[in-house]
C-alpha atoms as a PDB file:
ATOM      1  CA  UNK A   1       0.525  21.161  -3.757  1.00  0.00           C
ATOM      2  CA  UNK A   2      -2.331  23.392  -4.843  1.00  0.00           C
ATOM      3  CA  UNK A   3      -3.039  22.522  -8.487  1.00  0.00           C
ATOM      4  CA  UNK A   4      -4.189  26.059  -9.359  1.00  0.00           C
ATOM      5  CA  UNK A   5      -1.489  28.245  -7.798  1.00  0.00           C
ATOM      6  CA  UNK A   6       1.292  25.628  -7.765  1.00  0.00           C
ATOM      7  CA  UNK A   7       2.156  26.520  -4.166  1.00  0.00           C
ATOM      8  CA  UNK A   8       2.422  24.294  -1.140  1.00  0.00           C
ATOM      9  CA  UNK A   9      -1.077  23.835   0.288  1.00  0.00           C
ATOM     10  CA  UNK A  10      -1.425  24.982   3.903  1.00  0.00           C
ATOM     11  CA  UNK A  11      -1.317  22.105   6.322  1.00  0.00           C
ATOM     12  CA  UNK A  12      -2.523  22.046   9.904  1.00  0.00           C
ATOM     13  CA  UNK A  13      -0.684  20.055  12.574  1.00  0.00           C
ATOM     14  CA  UNK A  14      -1.516  16.360  12.373  1.00  0.00           C
ATOM     15  CA  UNK A  15      -1.587  15.810  16.118  1.00  0.00           C
ATOM     16  CA  UNK A  16       0.171  13.118  18.025  1.00  0.00           C
ATOM     17  CA  UNK A  17       0.510   9.442  17.288  1.00  0.00           C
ATOM     18  CA  UNK A  18      -2.399   7.096  18.003  1.00  0.00           C
ATOM     19  CA  UNK A  19      -2.862   6.201  21.652  1.00  0.00           C
ATOM     20  CA  UNK A  20      -1.903   2.681  22.747  1.00  0.00           C
ATOM     21  CA  UNK A  21      -5.616   1.963  23.291  1.00  0.00           C
ATOM     22  CA  UNK A  22      -6.354   2.822  19.641  1.00  0.00           C
ATOM     23  CA  UNK A  23      -3.593   0.502  18.440  1.00  0.00           C
ATOM     24  CA  UNK A  24      -4.895  -2.289  20.688  1.00  0.00           C
ATOM     25  CA  UNK A  25      -8.347  -1.756  19.170  1.00  0.00           C
ATOM     26  CA  UNK A  26      -6.883  -2.241  15.658  1.00  0.00           C
ATOM     27  CA  UNK A  27      -5.137  -5.430  16.781  1.00  0.00           C
ATOM     28  CA  UNK A  28      -8.333  -6.767  18.354  1.00  0.00           C
ATOM     29  CA  UNK A  29     -10.244  -6.089  15.121  1.00  0.00           C
ATOM     30  CA  UNK A  30      -7.813  -8.329  13.223  1.00  0.00           C
ATOM     31  CA  UNK A  31      -8.013 -11.167  15.734  1.00  0.00           C
ATOM     32  CA  UNK A  32      -5.860 -13.043  18.194  1.00  0.00           C
ATOM     33  CA  UNK A  33      -2.140 -12.589  17.699  1.00  0.00           C
ATOM     34  CA  UNK A  34      -2.381  -9.471  15.510  1.00  0.00           C
ATOM     35  CA  UNK A  35       0.308  -6.862  16.124  1.00  0.00           C
ATOM     36  CA  UNK A  36       0.830  -3.319  14.833  1.00  0.00           C
ATOM     37  CA  UNK A  37       4.342  -3.302  13.359  1.00  0.00           C
ATOM     38  CA  UNK A  38       4.670   0.264  12.059  1.00  0.00           C
ATOM     39  CA  UNK A  39       2.840   3.577  12.431  1.00  0.00           C
ATOM     40  CA  UNK A  40       3.503   6.485  10.038  1.00  0.00           C
ATOM     41  CA  UNK A  41       1.763   9.866  10.019  1.00  0.00           C
ATOM     42  CA  UNK A  42       0.130  10.806   6.718  1.00  0.00           C
ATOM     43  CA  UNK A  43      -0.033  14.440   5.538  1.00  0.00           C
ATOM     44  CA  UNK A  44      -3.192  16.419   4.956  1.00  0.00           C
ATOM     45  CA  UNK A  45      -6.539  16.669   6.632  1.00  0.00           C
ATOM     46  CA  UNK A  46      -7.952  19.592   8.547  1.00  0.00           C
ATOM     47  CA  UNK A  47     -10.612  17.880  10.628  1.00  0.00           C
ATOM     48  CA  UNK A  48      -8.887  14.529  10.973  1.00  0.00           C
ATOM     49  CA  UNK A  49      -5.512  12.877  11.474  1.00  0.00           C
ATOM     50  CA  UNK A  50      -4.458   9.881   9.375  1.00  0.00           C
ATOM     51  CA  UNK A  51      -1.797   7.295  10.155  1.00  0.00           C
ATOM     52  CA  UNK A  52      -0.637   4.451   7.920  1.00  0.00           C
ATOM     53  CA  UNK A  53      -0.413   1.189   9.855  1.00  0.00           C
ATOM     54  CA  UNK A  54       1.276  -2.070   8.997  1.00  0.00           C
ATOM     55  CA  UNK A  55      -0.400  -4.806  11.029  1.00  0.00           C
ATOM     56  CA  UNK A  56       0.635  -8.447  11.065  1.00  0.00           C
ATOM     57  CA  UNK A  57      -2.173 -10.890  11.763  1.00  0.00           C
ATOM     58  CA  UNK A  58      -1.787 -13.961  13.939  1.00  0.00           C
ATOM     59  CA  UNK A  59      -1.326 -16.071  10.793  1.00  0.00           C
ATOM     60  CA  UNK A  60       1.519 -13.827   9.608  1.00  0.00           C
ATOM     61  CA  UNK A  61      -0.391 -11.946   6.890  1.00  0.00           C
ATOM     62  CA  UNK A  62       0.503  -8.271   6.494  1.00  0.00           C
ATOM     63  CA  UNK A  63      -2.306  -5.704   6.410  1.00  0.00           C
ATOM     64  CA  UNK A  64      -1.731  -2.101   5.315  1.00  0.00           C
ATOM     65  CA  UNK A  65      -4.405   0.073   6.903  1.00  0.00           C
ATOM     66  CA  UNK A  66      -5.182   3.749   7.461  1.00  0.00           C
ATOM     67  CA  UNK A  67      -6.356   4.826  10.896  1.00  0.00           C
ATOM     68  CA  UNK A  68      -8.390   8.040  10.713  1.00  0.00           C
ATOM     69  CA  UNK A  69      -9.092   9.978  13.891  1.00  0.00           C
ATOM     70  CA  UNK A  70     -11.348  13.009  13.880  1.00  0.00           C
ATOM     71  CA  UNK A  71      -9.915  16.027  15.680  1.00  0.00           C
ATOM     72  CA  UNK A  72     -11.818  18.534  17.742  1.00  0.00           C
ATOM     73  CA  UNK A  73     -12.149  22.145  16.622  1.00  0.00           C
ATOM     74  CA  UNK A  74      -9.806  23.225  19.414  1.00  0.00           C
ATOM     75  CA  UNK A  75      -6.928  21.126  18.026  1.00  0.00           C
ATOM     76  CA  UNK A  76      -7.240  22.184  14.379  1.00  0.00           C
ATOM     77  CA  UNK A  77      -5.653  25.583  14.896  1.00  0.00           C
ATOM     78  CA  UNK A  78      -6.905  29.126  15.297  1.00  0.00           C
ATOM     79  CA  UNK A  79     -10.258  30.033  13.829  1.00  0.00           C
ATOM     80  CA  UNK A  80     -10.510  32.979  11.487  1.00  0.00           C
ATOM     81  CA  UNK A  81     -13.252  35.532  11.954  1.00  0.00           C
ATOM     82  CA  UNK A  82     -14.290  37.993   9.305  1.00  0.00           C
ATOM     83  CA  UNK A  83     -14.586  41.638  10.223  1.00  0.00           C
ATOM     84  CA  UNK A  84     -18.181  42.873  10.257  1.00  0.00           C
END
């Protein structure tokens, strides 16, 4: 919510879920036996997409992480041009 106007802030599409290769990369970063248990899209962002991850390590420890992926200009919606 916009704190000045008290209206819902405009939100661009968040894009799709992380690719399997991205999730494998997260698992590899946490070591042998790590496994992504849940993936949840997070709101907000105009130049990036965020997802909350719950990853269980090989030892059974839970890790709550945020995976941020930068989006290209083409996927962030139409560009606005000012009239000259």
